[in-house]
Amino acid sequence: MLTDLQVRRRNILKAMMAEDLWNEAIAEAKSNIVQQLLSTPAIARDEREALYNENLALDRVLGRLNAMVGDLSFLPKPKPTTGDTDG
Protein backbone atom coordinates (compact mmCIF):
# COMPACT_ATOMS: atom_id res chain seq x y z
CA MET A 1 0.00 0.00 0.00
CA LEU A 2 1.32 3.43 -0.90
CA THR A 3 1.66 6.10 1.75
CA ASP A 4 0.11 9.53 1.24
CA LEU A 5 3.59 10.93 0.51
CA GLN A 6 4.24 8.26 -2.14
CA VAL A 7 0.88 8.97 -3.77
CA ARG A 8 1.57 12.73 -3.83
CA ARG A 9 5.02 12.15 -5.32
CA ARG A 10 3.66 9.84 -8.00
CA ASN A 11 0.94 12.35 -8.88
CA ILE A 12 3.59 15.06 -9.25
CA LEU A 13 5.67 12.71 -11.40
CA LYS A 14 2.64 11.86 -13.53
CA ALA A 15 1.92 15.55 -14.12
CA MET A 16 5.57 16.23 -14.95
CA MET A 17 5.74 13.36 -17.43
CA ALA A 18 2.61 14.64 -19.18
CA GLU A 19 4.26 18.00 -19.89
CA ASP A 20 5.44 18.77 -23.42
CA LEU A 21 8.77 20.04 -22.12
CA TRP A 22 9.48 16.69 -20.43
CA ASN A 23 8.66 14.72 -23.56
CA GLU A 24 10.67 17.07 -25.77
CA ALA A 25 13.69 16.83 -23.47
CA ILE A 26 13.58 13.02 -23.45
CA ALA A 27 13.15 12.85 -27.22
CA GLU A 28 16.04 15.27 -27.71
CA ALA A 29 18.30 13.33 -25.37
CA LYS A 30 17.55 10.05 -27.15
CA SER A 31 18.01 11.68 -30.55
CA ASN A 32 21.38 13.09 -29.51
CA ILE A 33 22.55 9.67 -28.35
CA VAL A 34 21.46 8.07 -31.65
CA GLN A 35 23.12 10.82 -33.71
CA GLN A 36 26.37 10.39 -31.76
CA LEU A 37 26.17 6.64 -32.23
CA LEU A 38 25.62 7.00 -35.98
CA SER A 39 28.49 9.46 -36.34
CA THR A 40 30.94 7.30 -34.37
CA PRO A 41 33.20 5.10 -36.50
CA ALA A 42 32.48 1.38 -36.22
CA ILE A 43 36.05 0.82 -35.07
CA ALA A 44 35.45 2.97 -31.94
CA ARG A 45 33.86 0.08 -30.07
CA ASP A 46 34.33 1.47 -26.58
CA GLU A 47 32.69 4.79 -27.47
CA ARG A 48 29.82 3.07 -29.27
CA GLU A 49 29.29 0.70 -26.36
CA ALA A 50 29.24 3.65 -23.94
CA LEU A 51 26.60 5.38 -26.07
CA TYR A 52 24.56 2.19 -26.24
CA ASN A 53 24.75 1.85 -22.46
CA GLU A 54 23.76 5.50 -22.03
CA ASN A 55 20.66 4.91 -24.15
CA LEU A 56 19.88 1.72 -22.24
CA ALA A 57 20.24 3.52 -18.89
CA LEU A 58 17.88 6.28 -20.03
CA ASP A 59 15.32 3.65 -21.08
CA ARG A 60 15.64 1.95 -17.69
CA VAL A 61 15.08 5.20 -15.81
CA LEU A 62 12.06 6.01 -17.98
CA GLY A 63 10.71 2.50 -17.42
CA ARG A 64 11.05 2.87 -13.66
CA LEU A 65 9.35 6.27 -13.68
CA ASN A 66 6.49 4.89 -15.78
CA ALA A 67 6.15 1.97 -13.37
CA MET A 68 5.94 4.37 -10.43
CA VAL A 69 3.19 6.35 -12.16
CA GLY A 70 1.49 3.06 -13.02
CA ASP A 71 1.26 2.28 -9.30
CA LEU A 72 -1.46 4.92 -9.13
CA SER A 73 -3.77 2.78 -11.25
CA PHE A 74 -3.87 0.16 -8.47
CA LEU A 75 -5.22 2.57 -5.87
CA PRO A 76 -8.87 2.25 -4.96
CA LYS A 77 -11.03 4.80 -6.72
CA PRO A 78 -12.81 7.27 -4.46
CA LYS A 79 -16.52 6.61 -4.24
CA PRO A 80 -18.58 9.26 -6.01
CA THR A 81 -20.70 11.42 -3.75
CA THR A 82 -24.38 11.69 -4.55
CA GLY A 83 -24.86 15.10 -3.00
CA ASP A 84 -27.38 13.72 -0.52
CA THR A 85 -27.11 14.88 3.05
CA ASP A 86 -28.41 13.34 6.21
CA GLY A 87 -31.44 15.17 7.47
PDB file of N, CA and C in Angstrom:
ATOM      1  N   MET A   1       0.843  -1.176   0.000  1.00  0.00           N
ATOM      2  CA  MET A   1       0.000   0.000   0.000  1.00  0.00           C
ATOM      3  C   MET A   1       0.888   1.240   0.000  1.00  0.00           C
ATOM      4  N   LEU A   2       0.546   2.191  -0.813  1.00  0.00           N
ATOM      5  CA  LEU A   2       1.320   3.425  -0.904  1.00  0.00           C
ATOM      6  C   LEU A   2       0.938   4.384   0.221  1.00  0.00           C
ATOM      7  N   THR A   3       1.924   5.069   0.747  1.00  0.00           N
ATOM      8  CA  THR A   3       1.655   6.097   1.750  1.00  0.00           C
ATOM      9  C   THR A   3       1.134   7.346   1.048  1.00  0.00           C
ATOM     10  N   ASP A   4       0.594   8.269   1.819  1.00  0.00           N
ATOM     11  CA  ASP A   4       0.112   9.527   1.236  1.00  0.00           C
ATOM     12  C   ASP A   4       1.239  10.261   0.526  1.00  0.00           C
ATOM     13  N   LEU A   5       2.434  10.256   1.126  1.00  0.00           N
ATOM     14  CA  LEU A   5       3.587  10.930   0.509  1.00  0.00           C
ATOM     15  C   LEU A   5       3.932  10.276  -0.829  1.00  0.00           C
ATOM     16  N   GLN A   6       3.934   8.958  -0.890  1.00  0.00           N
ATOM     17  CA  GLN A   6       4.235   8.259  -2.139  1.00  0.00           C
ATOM     18  C   GLN A   6       3.188   8.566  -3.208  1.00  0.00           C
ATOM     19  N   VAL A   7       1.940   8.647  -2.820  1.00  0.00           N
ATOM     20  CA  VAL A   7       0.881   8.975  -3.771  1.00  0.00           C
ATOM     21  C   VAL A   7       1.069  10.392  -4.291  1.00  0.00           C
ATOM     22  N   ARG A   8       1.354  11.343  -3.391  1.00  0.00           N
ATOM     23  CA  ARG A   8       1.569  12.726  -3.829  1.00  0.00           C
ATOM     24  C   ARG A   8       2.754  12.821  -4.777  1.00  0.00           C
ATOM     25  N   ARG A   9       3.836  12.124  -4.449  1.00  0.00           N
ATOM     26  CA  ARG A   9       5.022  12.152  -5.321  1.00  0.00           C
ATOM     27  C   ARG A   9       4.722  11.557  -6.684  1.00  0.00           C
ATOM     28  N   ARG A  10       3.992  10.466  -6.721  1.00  0.00           N
ATOM     29  CA  ARG A  10       3.657   9.837  -7.998  1.00  0.00           C
ATOM     30  C   ARG A  10       2.721  10.720  -8.820  1.00  0.00           C
ATOM     31  N   ASN A  11       1.812  11.421  -8.164  1.00  0.00           N
ATOM     32  CA  ASN A  11       0.942  12.353  -8.885  1.00  0.00           C
ATOM     33  C   ASN A  11       1.738  13.512  -9.470  1.00  0.00           C
ATOM     34  N   ILE A  12       2.719  14.006  -8.734  1.00  0.00           N
ATOM     35  CA  ILE A  12       3.591  15.060  -9.255  1.00  0.00           C
ATOM     36  C   ILE A  12       4.388  14.536 -10.444  1.00  0.00           C
ATOM     37  N   LEU A  13       4.920  13.330 -10.314  1.00  0.00           N
ATOM     38  CA  LEU A  13       5.674  12.706 -11.402  1.00  0.00           C
ATOM     39  C   LEU A  13       4.794  12.508 -12.632  1.00  0.00           C
ATOM     40  N   LYS A  14       3.571  12.056 -12.419  1.00  0.00           N
ATOM     41  CA  LYS A  14       2.636  11.855 -13.529  1.00  0.00           C
ATOM     42  C   LYS A  14       2.377  13.165 -14.265  1.00  0.00           C
ATOM     43  N   ALA A  15       2.158  14.243 -13.513  1.00  0.00           N
ATOM     44  CA  ALA A  15       1.921  15.552 -14.123  1.00  0.00           C
ATOM     45  C   ALA A  15       3.155  16.026 -14.888  1.00  0.00           C
ATOM     46  N   MET A  16       4.334  15.806 -14.297  1.00  0.00           N
ATOM     47  CA  MET A  16       5.573  16.227 -14.949  1.00  0.00           C
ATOM     48  C   MET A  16       5.781  15.472 -16.264  1.00  0.00           C
ATOM     49  N   MET A  17       5.516  14.174 -16.239  1.00  0.00           N
ATOM     50  CA  MET A  17       5.738  13.356 -17.427  1.00  0.00           C
ATOM     51  C   MET A  17       4.714  13.638 -18.522  1.00  0.00           C
ATOM     52  N   ALA A  18       3.617  14.280 -18.188  1.00  0.00           N
ATOM     53  CA  ALA A  18       2.613  14.640 -19.181  1.00  0.00           C
ATOM     54  C   ALA A  18       2.930  15.969 -19.863  1.00  0.00           C
ATOM     55  N   GLU A  19       3.898  16.692 -19.337  1.00  0.00           N
ATOM     56  CA  GLU A  19       4.260  18.001 -19.892  1.00  0.00           C
ATOM     57  C   GLU A  19       5.020  17.861 -21.205  1.00  0.00           C
ATOM     58  N   ASP A  20       4.736  18.768 -22.132  1.00  0.00           N
ATOM     59  CA  ASP A  20       5.436  18.772 -23.422  1.00  0.00           C
ATOM     60  C   ASP A  20       6.941  18.941 -23.245  1.00  0.00           C
ATOM     61  N   LEU A  21       7.344  19.792 -22.329  1.00  0.00           N
ATOM     62  CA  LEU A  21       8.774  20.039 -22.115  1.00  0.00           C
ATOM     63  C   LEU A  21       9.499  18.760 -21.720  1.00  0.00           C
ATOM     64  N   TRP A  22       8.888  17.968 -20.843  1.00  0.00           N
ATOM     65  CA  TRP A  22       9.483  16.690 -20.428  1.00  0.00           C
ATOM     66  C   TRP A  22       9.672  15.789 -21.640  1.00  0.00           C
ATOM     67  N   ASN A  23       8.608  15.618 -22.409  1.00  0.00           N
ATOM     68  CA  ASN A  23       8.657  14.719 -23.561  1.00  0.00           C
ATOM     69  C   ASN A  23       9.641  15.208 -24.620  1.00  0.00           C
ATOM     70  N   GLU A  24       9.705  16.518 -24.816  1.00  0.00           N
ATOM     71  CA  GLU A  24      10.668  17.071 -25.770  1.00  0.00           C
ATOM     72  C   GLU A  24      12.104  16.840 -25.297  1.00  0.00           C
ATOM     73  N   ALA A  25      12.345  17.019 -24.012  1.00  0.00           N
ATOM     74  CA  ALA A  25      13.694  16.826 -23.465  1.00  0.00           C
ATOM     75  C   ALA A  25      14.139  15.369 -23.607  1.00  0.00           C
ATOM     76  N   ILE A  26      13.242  14.442 -23.320  1.00  0.00           N
ATOM     77  CA  ILE A  26      13.577  13.023 -23.447  1.00  0.00           C
ATOM     78  C   ILE A  26      13.842  12.669 -24.912  1.00  0.00           C
ATOM     79  N   ALA A  27      12.977  13.137 -25.787  1.00  0.00           N
ATOM     80  CA  ALA A  27      13.148  12.851 -27.220  1.00  0.00           C
ATOM     81  C   ALA A  27      14.457  13.435 -27.733  1.00  0.00           C
ATOM     82  N   GLU A  28      14.787  14.647 -27.282  1.00  0.00           N
ATOM     83  CA  GLU A  28      16.035  15.273 -27.714  1.00  0.00           C
ATOM     84  C   GLU A  28      17.246  14.512 -27.197  1.00  0.00           C
ATOM     85  N   ALA A  29      17.191  14.091 -25.950  1.00  0.00           N
ATOM     86  CA  ALA A  29      18.305  13.327 -25.375  1.00  0.00           C
ATOM     87  C   ALA A  29      18.519  12.027 -26.141  1.00  0.00           C
ATOM     88  N   LYS A  30      17.435  11.309 -26.414  1.00  0.00           N
ATOM     89  CA  LYS A  30      17.553  10.049 -27.153  1.00  0.00           C
ATOM     90  C   LYS A  30      18.055  10.285 -28.575  1.00  0.00           C
ATOM     91  N   SER A  31      17.564  11.349 -29.204  1.00  0.00           N
ATOM     92  CA  SER A  31      18.006  11.684 -30.554  1.00  0.00           C
ATOM     93  C   SER A  31      19.495  12.007 -30.579  1.00  0.00           C
ATOM     94  N   ASN A  32      19.956  12.747 -29.583  1.00  0.00           N
ATOM     95  CA  ASN A  32      21.382  13.086 -29.509  1.00  0.00           C
ATOM     96  C   ASN A  32      22.251  11.843 -29.358  1.00  0.00           C
ATOM     97  N   ILE A  33      21.790  10.907 -28.532  1.00  0.00           N
ATOM     98  CA  ILE A  33      22.551   9.668 -28.350  1.00  0.00           C
ATOM     99  C   ILE A  33      22.619   8.908 -29.674  1.00  0.00           C
ATOM    100  N   VAL A  34      21.502   8.802 -30.368  1.00  0.00           N
ATOM    101  CA  VAL A  34      21.465   8.075 -31.646  1.00  0.00           C
ATOM    102  C   VAL A  34      22.356   8.766 -32.675  1.00  0.00           C
ATOM    103  N   GLN A  35      22.287  10.080 -32.748  1.00  0.00           N
ATOM    104  CA  GLN A  35      23.125  10.819 -33.706  1.00  0.00           C
ATOM    105  C   GLN A  35      24.605  10.616 -33.411  1.00  0.00           C
ATOM    106  N   GLN A  36      24.971  10.638 -32.119  1.00  0.00           N
ATOM    107  CA  GLN A  36      26.369  10.388 -31.761  1.00  0.00           C
ATOM    108  C   GLN A  36      26.774   8.972 -32.145  1.00  0.00           C
ATOM    109  N   LEU A  37      25.882   8.039 -31.901  1.00  0.00           N
ATOM    110  CA  LEU A  37      26.175   6.644 -32.231  1.00  0.00           C
ATOM    111  C   LEU A  37      26.377   6.472 -33.729  1.00  0.00           C
ATOM    112  N   LEU A  38      25.511   7.108 -34.523  1.00  0.00           N
ATOM    113  CA  LEU A  38      25.622   6.999 -35.977  1.00  0.00           C
ATOM    114  C   LEU A  38      26.860   7.701 -36.533  1.00  0.00           C
ATOM    115  N   SER A  39      27.325   8.717 -35.848  1.00  0.00           N
ATOM    116  CA  SER A  39      28.487   9.456 -36.341  1.00  0.00           C
ATOM    117  C   SER A  39      29.811   8.912 -35.787  1.00  0.00           C
ATOM    118  N   THR A  40      29.730   7.902 -34.943  1.00  0.00           N
ATOM    119  CA  THR A  40      30.939   7.302 -34.373  1.00  0.00           C
ATOM    120  C   THR A  40      31.415   6.177 -35.283  1.00  0.00           C
ATOM    121  N   PRO A  41      32.690   6.168 -35.623  1.00  0.00           N
ATOM    122  CA  PRO A  41      33.205   5.097 -36.495  1.00  0.00           C
ATOM    123  C   PRO A  41      32.997   3.715 -35.870  1.00  0.00           C
ATOM    124  N   ALA A  42      32.722   2.742 -36.696  1.00  0.00           N
ATOM    125  CA  ALA A  42      32.481   1.381 -36.218  1.00  0.00           C
ATOM    126  C   ALA A  42      33.664   0.833 -35.436  1.00  0.00           C
ATOM    127  N   ILE A  43      34.841   1.316 -35.747  1.00  0.00           N
ATOM    128  CA  ILE A  43      36.046   0.823 -35.070  1.00  0.00           C
ATOM    129  C   ILE A  43      36.144   1.329 -33.624  1.00  0.00           C
ATOM    130  N   ALA A  44      35.415   2.389 -33.292  1.00  0.00           N
ATOM    131  CA  ALA A  44      35.447   2.969 -31.939  1.00  0.00           C
ATOM    132  C   ALA A  44      34.462   2.213 -31.048  1.00  0.00           C
ATOM    133  N   ARG A  45      34.770   0.962 -30.802  1.00  0.00           N
ATOM    134  CA  ARG A  45      33.856   0.078 -30.074  1.00  0.00           C
ATOM    135  C   ARG A  45      33.545   0.570 -28.664  1.00  0.00           C
ATOM    136  N   ASP A  46      34.553   1.034 -27.950  1.00  0.00           N
ATOM    137  CA  ASP A  46      34.329   1.472 -26.576  1.00  0.00           C
ATOM    138  C   ASP A  46      33.369   2.664 -26.522  1.00  0.00           C
ATOM    139  N   GLU A  47      33.559   3.613 -27.426  1.00  0.00           N
ATOM    140  CA  GLU A  47      32.689   4.786 -27.465  1.00  0.00           C
ATOM    141  C   GLU A  47      31.264   4.396 -27.865  1.00  0.00           C
ATOM    142  N   ARG A  48      31.151   3.513 -28.835  1.00  0.00           N
ATOM    143  CA  ARG A  48      29.824   3.067 -29.275  1.00  0.00           C
ATOM    144  C   ARG A  48      29.118   2.273 -28.167  1.00  0.00           C
ATOM    145  N   GLU A  49      29.872   1.461 -27.466  1.00  0.00           N
ATOM    146  CA  GLU A  49      29.290   0.704 -26.361  1.00  0.00           C
ATOM    147  C   GLU A  49      28.838   1.638 -25.239  1.00  0.00           C
ATOM    148  N   ALA A  50      29.617   2.667 -24.963  1.00  0.00           N
ATOM    149  CA  ALA A  50      29.238   3.646 -23.937  1.00  0.00           C
ATOM    150  C   ALA A  50      27.948   4.359 -24.328  1.00  0.00           C
ATOM    151  N   LEU A  51      27.819   4.726 -25.597  1.00  0.00           N
ATOM    152  CA  LEU A  51      26.601   5.379 -26.065  1.00  0.00           C
ATOM    153  C   LEU A  51      25.407   4.432 -25.986  1.00  0.00           C
ATOM    154  N   TYR A  52      25.618   3.186 -26.352  1.00  0.00           N
ATOM    155  CA  TYR A  52      24.558   2.192 -26.243  1.00  0.00           C
ATOM    156  C   TYR A  52      24.103   2.055 -24.789  1.00  0.00           C
ATOM    157  N   ASN A  53      25.064   1.981 -23.877  1.00  0.00           N
ATOM    158  CA  ASN A  53      24.746   1.848 -22.460  1.00  0.00           C
ATOM    159  C   ASN A  53      24.048   3.092 -21.918  1.00  0.00           C
ATOM    160  N   GLU A  54      24.427   4.255 -22.420  1.00  0.00           N
ATOM    161  CA  GLU A  54      23.764   5.495 -22.027  1.00  0.00           C
ATOM    162  C   GLU A  54      22.290   5.458 -22.445  1.00  0.00           C
ATOM    163  N   ASN A  55      22.032   5.021 -23.661  1.00  0.00           N
ATOM    164  CA  ASN A  55      20.659   4.907 -24.150  1.00  0.00           C
ATOM    165  C   ASN A  55      19.876   3.879 -23.337  1.00  0.00           C
ATOM    166  N   LEU A  56      20.507   2.774 -23.034  1.00  0.00           N
ATOM    167  CA  LEU A  56      19.878   1.721 -22.242  1.00  0.00           C
ATOM    168  C   LEU A  56      19.551   2.232 -20.836  1.00  0.00           C
ATOM    169  N   ALA A  57      20.472   2.966 -20.226  1.00  0.00           N
ATOM    170  CA  ALA A  57      20.237   3.518 -18.891  1.00  0.00           C
ATOM    171  C   ALA A  57      19.064   4.499 -18.899  1.00  0.00           C
ATOM    172  N   LEU A  58      18.994   5.338 -19.914  1.00  0.00           N
ATOM    173  CA  LEU A  58      17.883   6.279 -20.029  1.00  0.00           C
ATOM    174  C   LEU A  58      16.563   5.517 -20.151  1.00  0.00           C
ATOM    175  N   ASP A  59      16.527   4.469 -20.947  1.00  0.00           N
ATOM    176  CA  ASP A  59      15.320   3.653 -21.082  1.00  0.00           C
ATOM    177  C   ASP A  59      14.931   3.006 -19.758  1.00  0.00           C
ATOM    178  N   ARG A  60      15.921   2.566 -18.992  1.00  0.00           N
ATOM    179  CA  ARG A  60      15.636   1.946 -17.694  1.00  0.00           C
ATOM    180  C   ARG A  60      15.054   2.956 -16.713  1.00  0.00           C
ATOM    181  N   VAL A  61      15.606   4.155 -16.691  1.00  0.00           N
ATOM    182  CA  VAL A  61      15.082   5.201 -15.815  1.00  0.00           C
ATOM    183  C   VAL A  61      13.644   5.532 -16.207  1.00  0.00           C
ATOM    184  N   LEU A  62      13.404   5.707 -17.507  1.00  0.00           N
ATOM    185  CA  LEU A  62      12.056   6.013 -17.977  1.00  0.00           C
ATOM    186  C   LEU A  62      11.079   4.875 -17.639  1.00  0.00           C
ATOM    187  N   GLY A  63      11.541   3.654 -17.760  1.00  0.00           N
ATOM    188  CA  GLY A  63      10.707   2.505 -17.420  1.00  0.00           C
ATOM    189  C   GLY A  63      10.342   2.501 -15.947  1.00  0.00           C
ATOM    190  N   ARG A  64      11.313   2.817 -15.106  1.00  0.00           N
ATOM    191  CA  ARG A  64      11.053   2.872 -13.658  1.00  0.00           C
ATOM    192  C   ARG A  64      10.079   3.992 -13.322  1.00  0.00           C
ATOM    193  N   LEU A  65      10.265   5.159 -13.930  1.00  0.00           N
ATOM    194  CA  LEU A  65       9.354   6.271 -13.680  1.00  0.00           C
ATOM    195  C   LEU A  65       7.931   5.932 -14.138  1.00  0.00           C
ATOM    196  N   ASN A  66       7.807   5.304 -15.292  1.00  0.00           N
ATOM    197  CA  ASN A  66       6.488   4.891 -15.779  1.00  0.00           C
ATOM    198  C   ASN A  66       5.856   3.856 -14.855  1.00  0.00           C
ATOM    199  N   ALA A  67       6.662   2.968 -14.308  1.00  0.00           N
ATOM    200  CA  ALA A  67       6.145   1.974 -13.368  1.00  0.00           C
ATOM    201  C   ALA A  67       5.643   2.642 -12.096  1.00  0.00           C
ATOM    202  N   MET A  68       6.368   3.652 -11.631  1.00  0.00           N
ATOM    203  CA  MET A  68       5.944   4.371 -10.434  1.00  0.00           C
ATOM    204  C   MET A  68       4.604   5.070 -10.669  1.00  0.00           C
ATOM    205  N   VAL A  69       4.462   5.694 -11.824  1.00  0.00           N
ATOM    206  CA  VAL A  69       3.189   6.345 -12.161  1.00  0.00           C
ATOM    207  C   VAL A  69       2.098   5.285 -12.307  1.00  0.00           C
ATOM    208  N   GLY A  70       2.448   4.147 -12.855  1.00  0.00           N
ATOM    209  CA  GLY A  70       1.492   3.061 -13.017  1.00  0.00           C
ATOM    210  C   GLY A  70       0.958   2.538 -11.698  1.00  0.00           C
ATOM    211  N   ASP A  71       1.732   2.696 -10.614  1.00  0.00           N
ATOM    212  CA  ASP A  71       1.265   2.280  -9.295  1.00  0.00           C
ATOM    213  C   ASP A  71      -0.046   2.962  -8.932  1.00  0.00           C
ATOM    214  N   LEU A  72      -0.252   4.167  -9.449  1.00  0.00           N
ATOM    215  CA  LEU A  72      -1.463   4.919  -9.129  1.00  0.00           C
ATOM    216  C   LEU A  72      -2.717   4.216  -9.622  1.00  0.00           C
ATOM    217  N   SER A  73      -2.591   3.441 -10.692  1.00  0.00           N
ATOM    218  CA  SER A  73      -3.769   2.778 -11.247  1.00  0.00           C
ATOM    219  C   SER A  73      -4.277   1.655 -10.341  1.00  0.00           C
ATOM    220  N   PHE A  74      -3.465   1.236  -9.374  1.00  0.00           N
ATOM    221  CA  PHE A  74      -3.872   0.164  -8.468  1.00  0.00           C
ATOM    222  C   PHE A  74      -4.542   0.678  -7.201  1.00  0.00           C
ATOM    223  N   LEU A  75      -4.586   2.004  -7.049  1.00  0.00           N
ATOM    224  CA  LEU A  75      -5.224   2.573  -5.867  1.00  0.00           C
ATOM    225  C   LEU A  75      -6.738   2.479  -6.004  1.00  0.00           C
ATOM    226  N   PRO A  76      -7.413   2.273  -4.878  1.00  0.00           N
ATOM    227  CA  PRO A  76      -8.871   2.253  -4.959  1.00  0.00           C
ATOM    228  C   PRO A  76      -9.410   3.605  -5.402  1.00  0.00           C
ATOM    229  N   LYS A  77     -10.414   3.565  -6.229  1.00  0.00           N
ATOM    230  CA  LYS A  77     -11.027   4.802  -6.719  1.00  0.00           C
ATOM    231  C   LYS A  77     -11.934   5.369  -5.626  1.00  0.00           C
ATOM    232  N   PRO A  78     -11.901   6.695  -5.458  1.00  0.00           N
ATOM    233  CA  PRO A  78     -12.813   7.268  -4.461  1.00  0.00           C
ATOM    234  C   PRO A  78     -14.251   7.074  -4.896  1.00  0.00           C
ATOM    235  N   LYS A  79     -15.111   6.818  -3.930  1.00  0.00           N
ATOM    236  CA  LYS A  79     -16.520   6.609  -4.241  1.00  0.00           C
ATOM    237  C   LYS A  79     -17.157   7.958  -4.584  1.00  0.00           C
ATOM    238  N   PRO A  80     -17.945   7.992  -5.641  1.00  0.00           N
ATOM    239  CA  PRO A  80     -18.582   9.265  -6.008  1.00  0.00           C
ATOM    240  C   PRO A  80     -19.615   9.644  -4.956  1.00  0.00           C
ATOM    241  N   THR A  81     -19.701  10.942  -4.691  1.00  0.00           N
ATOM    242  CA  THR A  81     -20.696  11.416  -3.751  1.00  0.00           C
ATOM    243  C   THR A  81     -21.976  11.725  -4.522  1.00  0.00           C
ATOM    244  N   THR A  82     -23.095  11.477  -3.879  1.00  0.00           N
ATOM    245  CA  THR A  82     -24.380  11.686  -4.547  1.00  0.00           C
ATOM    246  C   THR A  82     -24.949  13.065  -4.275  1.00  0.00           C
ATOM    247  N   GLY A  83     -24.365  13.760  -3.321  1.00  0.00           N
ATOM    248  CA  GLY A  83     -24.865  15.103  -3.005  1.00  0.00           C
ATOM    249  C   GLY A  83     -25.967  15.061  -1.963  1.00  0.00           C
ATOM    250  N   ASP A  84     -26.359  13.842  -1.561  1.00  0.00           N
ATOM    251  CA  ASP A  84     -27.376  13.724  -0.525  1.00  0.00           C
ATOM    252  C   ASP A  84     -26.769  14.023   0.834  1.00  0.00           C
ATOM    253  N   THR A  85     -27.556  14.607   1.688  1.00  0.00           N
ATOM    254  CA  THR A  85     -27.107  14.879   3.053  1.00  0.00           C
ATOM    255  C   THR A  85     -28.055  14.216   4.021  1.00  0.00           C
ATOM    256  N   ASP A  86     -27.566  13.934   5.163  1.00  0.00           N
ATOM    257  CA  ASP A  86     -28.413  13.339   6.214  1.00  0.00           C
ATOM    258  C   ASP A  86     -29.298  14.434   6.795  1.00  0.00           C
ATOM    259  N   GLY A  87     -30.587  14.224   6.795  1.00  0.00           N
ATOM    260  CA  GLY A  87     -31.444  15.175   7.474  1.00  0.00           C
ATOM    261  C   GLY A  87     -32.473  15.700   6.672  1.00  0.00           C
TER     262      GLY A  87
END
